[in-house]
Amino acid sequence: MVTLAKRRFNIDIHPPSLVLMYLSTKHLVLASTWTHFTLLGQSLGSMVMAWDAFQLLVPDVLVDTMGYAFVLGLSKLLFPTIPTGAYVHYPTISTDMLESLDPKSANGSQGINA
């Protein structure tokens, strides 16, 4: 993970200072958990997962590399003095996501085409 952070974000991390935790609520951010209203479910799930993480450890710095934009607001609400950084996927729904929908189906396994 340290090597990946260096390669992808050009961030040097001192390995002994890195804390990795198992989050029992990880399933709440998986698309497979939310068969309907997937993005809404994942957004709400990300805040529950963040709460789970914050119960285990209050961070010195929060860096969100997964694109869970709602976690930034929750972090600032709970810990206003903690620095934050993030990768934010904007727009939330991109053209490649829309292209993954089945154009022949008004309602299918990949979503609803409106």
N, C-alpha and C. Protein backbone atom coordinates (compact mmCIF):
# COMPACT_ATOMS: atom_id res chain seq x y z
N MET A 1 0.81 -1.19 0.00
CA MET A 1 0.00 0.00 0.00
C MET A 1 0.85 1.26 0.00
N VAL A 2 1.94 1.22 0.72
CA VAL A 2 2.83 2.37 0.78
C VAL A 2 3.40 2.65 -0.61
N THR A 3 3.79 1.59 -1.31
CA THR A 3 4.33 1.74 -2.66
C THR A 3 3.27 2.29 -3.62
N LEU A 4 2.06 1.80 -3.49
CA LEU A 4 0.96 2.27 -4.34
C LEU A 4 0.66 3.75 -4.09
N ALA A 5 0.68 4.17 -2.84
CA ALA A 5 0.44 5.59 -2.51
C ALA A 5 1.54 6.46 -3.11
N LYS A 6 2.75 5.98 -3.08
CA LYS A 6 3.86 6.74 -3.66
C LYS A 6 3.71 6.83 -5.18
N ARG A 7 3.41 5.70 -5.80
CA ARG A 7 3.30 5.67 -7.25
C ARG A 7 2.10 6.49 -7.75
N ARG A 8 0.96 6.32 -7.12
CA ARG A 8 -0.26 6.96 -7.62
C ARG A 8 -0.38 8.42 -7.22
N PHE A 9 -0.02 8.76 -5.98
CA PHE A 9 -0.25 10.11 -5.47
C PHE A 9 1.03 10.89 -5.15
N ASN A 10 2.19 10.24 -5.34
CA ASN A 10 3.48 10.84 -5.02
C ASN A 10 3.53 11.29 -3.55
N ILE A 11 3.02 10.41 -2.68
CA ILE A 11 3.01 10.68 -1.24
C ILE A 11 3.94 9.68 -0.57
N ASP A 12 4.88 10.19 0.21
CA ASP A 12 5.75 9.33 1.00
C ASP A 12 5.11 9.08 2.35
N ILE A 13 4.91 7.81 2.68
CA ILE A 13 4.30 7.44 3.96
C ILE A 13 5.32 6.64 4.76
N HIS A 14 5.50 7.01 5.99
CA HIS A 14 6.37 6.27 6.90
C HIS A 14 5.58 5.05 7.39
N PRO A 15 5.92 3.83 6.94
CA PRO A 15 5.10 2.65 7.23
C PRO A 15 4.67 2.47 8.69
N PRO A 16 5.53 2.70 9.68
CA PRO A 16 5.06 2.51 11.06
C PRO A 16 3.94 3.48 11.48
N SER A 17 3.78 4.58 10.75
CA SER A 17 2.74 5.54 11.11
C SER A 17 1.40 5.24 10.43
N LEU A 18 1.38 4.26 9.54
CA LEU A 18 0.17 3.91 8.80
C LEU A 18 -0.66 2.90 9.60
N VAL A 19 -1.95 3.17 9.73
CA VAL A 19 -2.85 2.27 10.44
C VAL A 19 -3.91 1.78 9.47
N LEU A 20 -3.99 0.47 9.27
CA LEU A 20 -5.02 -0.14 8.44
C LEU A 20 -6.01 -0.84 9.36
N MET A 21 -7.30 -0.63 9.09
CA MET A 21 -8.33 -1.19 9.97
C MET A 21 -9.34 -1.97 9.14
N TYR A 22 -9.89 -3.02 9.73
CA TYR A 22 -10.98 -3.75 9.10
C TYR A 22 -12.28 -3.03 9.45
N LEU A 23 -13.06 -2.71 8.43
CA LEU A 23 -14.34 -2.04 8.65
C LEU A 23 -15.47 -3.01 8.35
N SER A 24 -16.25 -3.33 9.36
CA SER A 24 -17.33 -4.31 9.21
C SER A 24 -18.48 -3.79 8.35
N THR A 25 -18.49 -2.51 8.06
CA THR A 25 -19.58 -1.91 7.28
C THR A 25 -19.19 -1.68 5.82
N LYS A 26 -18.09 -2.27 5.38
CA LYS A 26 -17.62 -2.08 4.00
C LYS A 26 -18.68 -2.46 2.97
N HIS A 27 -19.48 -3.45 3.28
CA HIS A 27 -20.50 -3.90 2.32
C HIS A 27 -21.48 -2.79 1.95
N LEU A 28 -21.59 -1.76 2.79
CA LEU A 28 -22.54 -0.68 2.53
C LEU A 28 -22.14 0.23 1.38
N VAL A 29 -20.90 0.12 0.92
CA VAL A 29 -20.47 0.94 -0.23
C VAL A 29 -20.38 0.12 -1.52
N LEU A 30 -20.73 -1.14 -1.45
CA LEU A 30 -20.70 -1.98 -2.64
C LEU A 30 -21.99 -1.82 -3.44
N ALA A 31 -21.86 -1.72 -4.75
CA ALA A 31 -23.04 -1.56 -5.60
C ALA A 31 -23.99 -2.75 -5.46
N SER A 32 -23.44 -3.93 -5.22
CA SER A 32 -24.28 -5.13 -5.09
C SER A 32 -25.21 -5.08 -3.88
N THR A 33 -24.90 -4.24 -2.91
CA THR A 33 -25.76 -4.10 -1.72
C THR A 33 -27.03 -3.33 -2.06
N TRP A 34 -26.95 -2.46 -3.02
CA TRP A 34 -28.06 -1.56 -3.34
C TRP A 34 -28.60 -1.87 -4.73
N THR A 35 -29.66 -2.66 -4.81
CA THR A 35 -30.23 -3.03 -6.11
C THR A 35 -31.02 -1.88 -6.73
N HIS A 36 -31.48 -0.96 -5.91
CA HIS A 36 -32.19 0.23 -6.38
C HIS A 36 -31.55 1.45 -5.71
N PHE A 37 -31.57 2.57 -6.38
CA PHE A 37 -31.00 3.81 -5.84
C PHE A 37 -29.55 3.59 -5.38
N THR A 38 -28.78 2.98 -6.27
CA THR A 38 -27.41 2.56 -5.93
C THR A 38 -26.53 3.71 -5.46
N LEU A 39 -26.49 4.81 -6.19
CA LEU A 39 -25.61 5.92 -5.79
C LEU A 39 -26.03 6.52 -4.46
N LEU A 40 -27.33 6.64 -4.23
CA LEU A 40 -27.82 7.14 -2.95
C LEU A 40 -27.42 6.19 -1.82
N GLY A 41 -27.64 4.90 -2.04
CA GLY A 41 -27.27 3.91 -1.03
C GLY A 41 -25.79 3.92 -0.72
N GLN A 42 -24.97 3.99 -1.78
CA GLN A 42 -23.53 4.01 -1.57
C GLN A 42 -23.09 5.29 -0.85
N SER A 43 -23.73 6.40 -1.15
CA SER A 43 -23.38 7.67 -0.48
C SER A 43 -23.72 7.60 1.00
N LEU A 44 -24.91 7.12 1.32
CA LEU A 44 -25.29 6.97 2.73
C LEU A 44 -24.42 5.91 3.40
N GLY A 45 -24.16 4.82 2.68
CA GLY A 45 -23.30 3.76 3.21
C GLY A 45 -21.89 4.24 3.50
N SER A 46 -21.39 5.16 2.68
CA SER A 46 -20.04 5.68 2.92
C SER A 46 -19.96 6.46 4.23
N MET A 47 -21.05 7.15 4.56
CA MET A 47 -21.04 7.89 5.83
C MET A 47 -21.12 6.94 7.03
N VAL A 48 -21.88 5.85 6.89
CA VAL A 48 -21.94 4.85 7.96
C VAL A 48 -20.57 4.19 8.11
N MET A 49 -19.93 3.87 6.99
CA MET A 49 -18.61 3.26 7.04
C MET A 49 -17.59 4.22 7.65
N ALA A 50 -17.68 5.51 7.33
CA ALA A 50 -16.78 6.50 7.92
C ALA A 50 -17.00 6.58 9.43
N TRP A 51 -18.26 6.57 9.85
CA TRP A 51 -18.57 6.59 11.28
C TRP A 51 -17.93 5.39 11.97
N ASP A 52 -18.03 4.22 11.32
CA ASP A 52 -17.41 3.00 11.83
C ASP A 52 -15.91 3.21 12.00
N ALA A 53 -15.27 3.80 11.00
CA ALA A 53 -13.83 4.05 11.06
C ALA A 53 -13.49 5.05 12.16
N PHE A 54 -14.29 6.11 12.27
CA PHE A 54 -14.01 7.14 13.28
C PHE A 54 -14.22 6.62 14.69
N GLN A 55 -15.02 5.58 14.86
CA GLN A 55 -15.18 4.96 16.17
C GLN A 55 -13.91 4.20 16.57
N LEU A 56 -13.19 3.72 15.57
CA LEU A 56 -11.97 2.96 15.82
C LEU A 56 -10.75 3.86 16.00
N LEU A 57 -10.74 4.99 15.28
CA LEU A 57 -9.55 5.85 15.30
C LEU A 57 -9.92 7.25 14.81
N VAL A 58 -9.53 8.24 15.57
CA VAL A 58 -9.67 9.63 15.11
C VAL A 58 -8.40 9.96 14.32
N PRO A 59 -8.55 10.32 13.06
CA PRO A 59 -7.35 10.53 12.23
C PRO A 59 -6.63 11.83 12.55
N ASP A 60 -5.32 11.83 12.30
CA ASP A 60 -4.54 13.07 12.36
C ASP A 60 -4.78 13.87 11.08
N VAL A 61 -4.92 13.15 9.98
CA VAL A 61 -5.19 13.71 8.66
C VAL A 61 -6.12 12.72 7.96
N LEU A 62 -7.13 13.24 7.27
CA LEU A 62 -8.03 12.36 6.51
C LEU A 62 -7.79 12.56 5.03
N VAL A 63 -7.42 11.49 4.34
CA VAL A 63 -7.24 11.53 2.89
C VAL A 63 -8.16 10.46 2.30
N ASP A 64 -9.19 10.91 1.60
CA ASP A 64 -10.13 10.00 0.96
C ASP A 64 -9.68 9.77 -0.47
N THR A 65 -9.28 8.55 -0.77
CA THR A 65 -8.82 8.22 -2.12
C THR A 65 -9.86 7.41 -2.89
N MET A 66 -11.02 7.19 -2.29
CA MET A 66 -12.06 6.38 -2.92
C MET A 66 -13.16 7.22 -3.57
N GLY A 67 -13.20 8.50 -3.30
CA GLY A 67 -14.22 9.35 -3.91
C GLY A 67 -15.53 9.41 -3.14
N TYR A 68 -15.49 9.16 -1.85
CA TYR A 68 -16.69 9.24 -1.01
C TYR A 68 -16.85 10.68 -0.52
N ALA A 69 -17.46 11.51 -1.34
CA ALA A 69 -17.53 12.95 -1.07
C ALA A 69 -18.26 13.27 0.23
N PHE A 70 -19.27 12.48 0.60
CA PHE A 70 -20.02 12.77 1.81
C PHE A 70 -19.19 12.56 3.08
N VAL A 71 -18.15 11.76 2.98
CA VAL A 71 -17.28 11.51 4.14
C VAL A 71 -16.54 12.78 4.53
N LEU A 72 -16.20 13.61 3.55
CA LEU A 72 -15.49 14.86 3.85
C LEU A 72 -16.34 15.77 4.73
N GLY A 73 -17.61 15.90 4.41
CA GLY A 73 -18.51 16.72 5.22
C GLY A 73 -18.68 16.17 6.62
N LEU A 74 -18.83 14.85 6.72
CA LEU A 74 -18.96 14.23 8.04
C LEU A 74 -17.70 14.44 8.86
N SER A 75 -16.55 14.29 8.23
CA SER A 75 -15.28 14.50 8.92
C SER A 75 -15.16 15.93 9.43
N LYS A 76 -15.50 16.90 8.59
CA LYS A 76 -15.41 18.31 9.00
C LYS A 76 -16.40 18.63 10.12
N LEU A 77 -17.56 17.98 10.09
CA LEU A 77 -18.55 18.18 11.15
C LEU A 77 -18.05 17.63 12.48
N LEU A 78 -17.48 16.43 12.44
CA LEU A 78 -17.01 15.78 13.67
C LEU A 78 -15.66 16.31 14.15
N PHE A 79 -14.77 16.60 13.20
CA PHE A 79 -13.39 16.99 13.53
C PHE A 79 -13.01 18.24 12.73
N PRO A 80 -13.51 19.41 13.09
CA PRO A 80 -13.31 20.61 12.26
C PRO A 80 -11.85 21.04 12.10
N THR A 81 -10.96 20.62 12.98
CA THR A 81 -9.57 21.07 12.88
C THR A 81 -8.66 20.08 12.16
N ILE A 82 -9.18 18.92 11.80
CA ILE A 82 -8.36 17.91 11.14
C ILE A 82 -8.26 18.21 9.64
N PRO A 83 -7.04 18.29 9.11
CA PRO A 83 -6.88 18.55 7.67
C PRO A 83 -7.45 17.39 6.84
N THR A 84 -8.04 17.72 5.71
CA THR A 84 -8.59 16.70 4.83
C THR A 84 -8.07 16.89 3.42
N GLY A 85 -8.02 15.80 2.71
CA GLY A 85 -7.68 15.81 1.30
C GLY A 85 -8.50 14.73 0.64
N ALA A 86 -8.75 14.87 -0.65
CA ALA A 86 -9.61 13.88 -1.28
C ALA A 86 -9.45 13.82 -2.78
N TYR A 87 -9.77 12.65 -3.30
CA TYR A 87 -10.03 12.47 -4.72
C TYR A 87 -11.55 12.53 -4.83
N VAL A 88 -12.06 13.49 -5.58
CA VAL A 88 -13.51 13.60 -5.75
C VAL A 88 -13.85 13.37 -7.21
N HIS A 89 -14.70 12.41 -7.47
CA HIS A 89 -15.13 12.08 -8.83
C HIS A 89 -16.25 13.03 -9.20
N TYR A 90 -15.96 13.94 -10.13
CA TYR A 90 -16.97 14.91 -10.54
C TYR A 90 -17.09 14.87 -12.05
N PRO A 91 -18.25 14.77 -12.62
CA PRO A 91 -19.54 14.69 -11.94
C PRO A 91 -19.75 13.32 -11.31
N THR A 92 -20.70 13.24 -10.41
CA THR A 92 -20.96 11.98 -9.71
C THR A 92 -21.31 10.88 -10.70
N ILE A 93 -22.11 11.20 -11.69
CA ILE A 93 -22.45 10.23 -12.74
C ILE A 93 -21.76 10.69 -14.02
N SER A 94 -20.83 9.89 -14.50
CA SER A 94 -20.05 10.26 -15.68
C SER A 94 -20.61 9.57 -16.93
N THR A 95 -20.14 10.01 -18.07
CA THR A 95 -20.62 9.44 -19.33
C THR A 95 -20.28 7.96 -19.45
N ASP A 96 -19.12 7.53 -18.93
CA ASP A 96 -18.80 6.11 -19.01
C ASP A 96 -19.75 5.28 -18.15
N MET A 97 -20.25 5.84 -17.06
CA MET A 97 -21.25 5.14 -16.25
C MET A 97 -22.56 5.02 -17.02
N LEU A 98 -22.96 6.10 -17.68
CA LEU A 98 -24.20 6.07 -18.46
C LEU A 98 -24.08 5.10 -19.63
N GLU A 99 -22.91 5.04 -20.25
CA GLU A 99 -22.70 4.13 -21.37
C GLU A 99 -22.75 2.67 -20.94
N SER A 100 -22.53 2.38 -19.66
CA SER A 100 -22.57 0.99 -19.20
C SER A 100 -23.99 0.46 -19.07
N LEU A 101 -24.99 1.36 -19.14
CA LEU A 101 -26.38 0.92 -19.08
C LEU A 101 -26.78 0.24 -20.38
N ASP A 102 -27.67 -0.71 -20.30
CA ASP A 102 -28.15 -1.44 -21.47
C ASP A 102 -29.16 -0.58 -22.22
N PRO A 103 -28.82 -0.07 -23.40
CA PRO A 103 -29.73 0.83 -24.12
C PRO A 103 -30.99 0.14 -24.64
N LYS A 104 -30.99 -1.19 -24.70
CA LYS A 104 -32.14 -1.92 -25.22
C LYS A 104 -33.18 -2.19 -24.15
N SER A 105 -32.85 -1.89 -22.92
CA SER A 105 -33.74 -2.21 -21.82
C SER A 105 -34.13 -0.95 -21.08
N ALA A 106 -35.44 -0.77 -20.88
CA ALA A 106 -35.91 0.37 -20.09
C ALA A 106 -35.68 0.11 -18.61
N ASN A 107 -35.64 -1.15 -18.25
CA ASN A 107 -35.44 -1.53 -16.85
C ASN A 107 -34.73 -2.88 -16.84
N GLY A 108 -33.46 -2.86 -16.50
CA GLY A 108 -32.70 -4.10 -16.55
C GLY A 108 -31.78 -4.25 -15.37
N SER A 109 -30.91 -5.25 -15.45
CA SER A 109 -30.02 -5.55 -14.33
C SER A 109 -28.97 -4.47 -14.12
N GLN A 110 -28.75 -3.62 -15.13
CA GLN A 110 -27.72 -2.60 -15.00
C GLN A 110 -28.29 -1.24 -14.66
N GLY A 111 -29.58 -1.14 -14.42
CA GLY A 111 -30.15 0.14 -14.02
C GLY A 111 -31.37 0.51 -14.84
N ILE A 112 -31.86 1.69 -14.60
CA ILE A 112 -33.03 2.20 -15.30
C ILE A 112 -32.59 3.29 -16.25
N ASN A 113 -32.96 3.17 -17.49
CA ASN A 113 -32.65 4.20 -18.48
C ASN A 113 -33.82 5.15 -18.54
N ALA A 114 -33.62 6.38 -18.12
CA ALA A 114 -34.71 7.36 -18.16
C ALA A 114 -34.57 8.25 -19.37
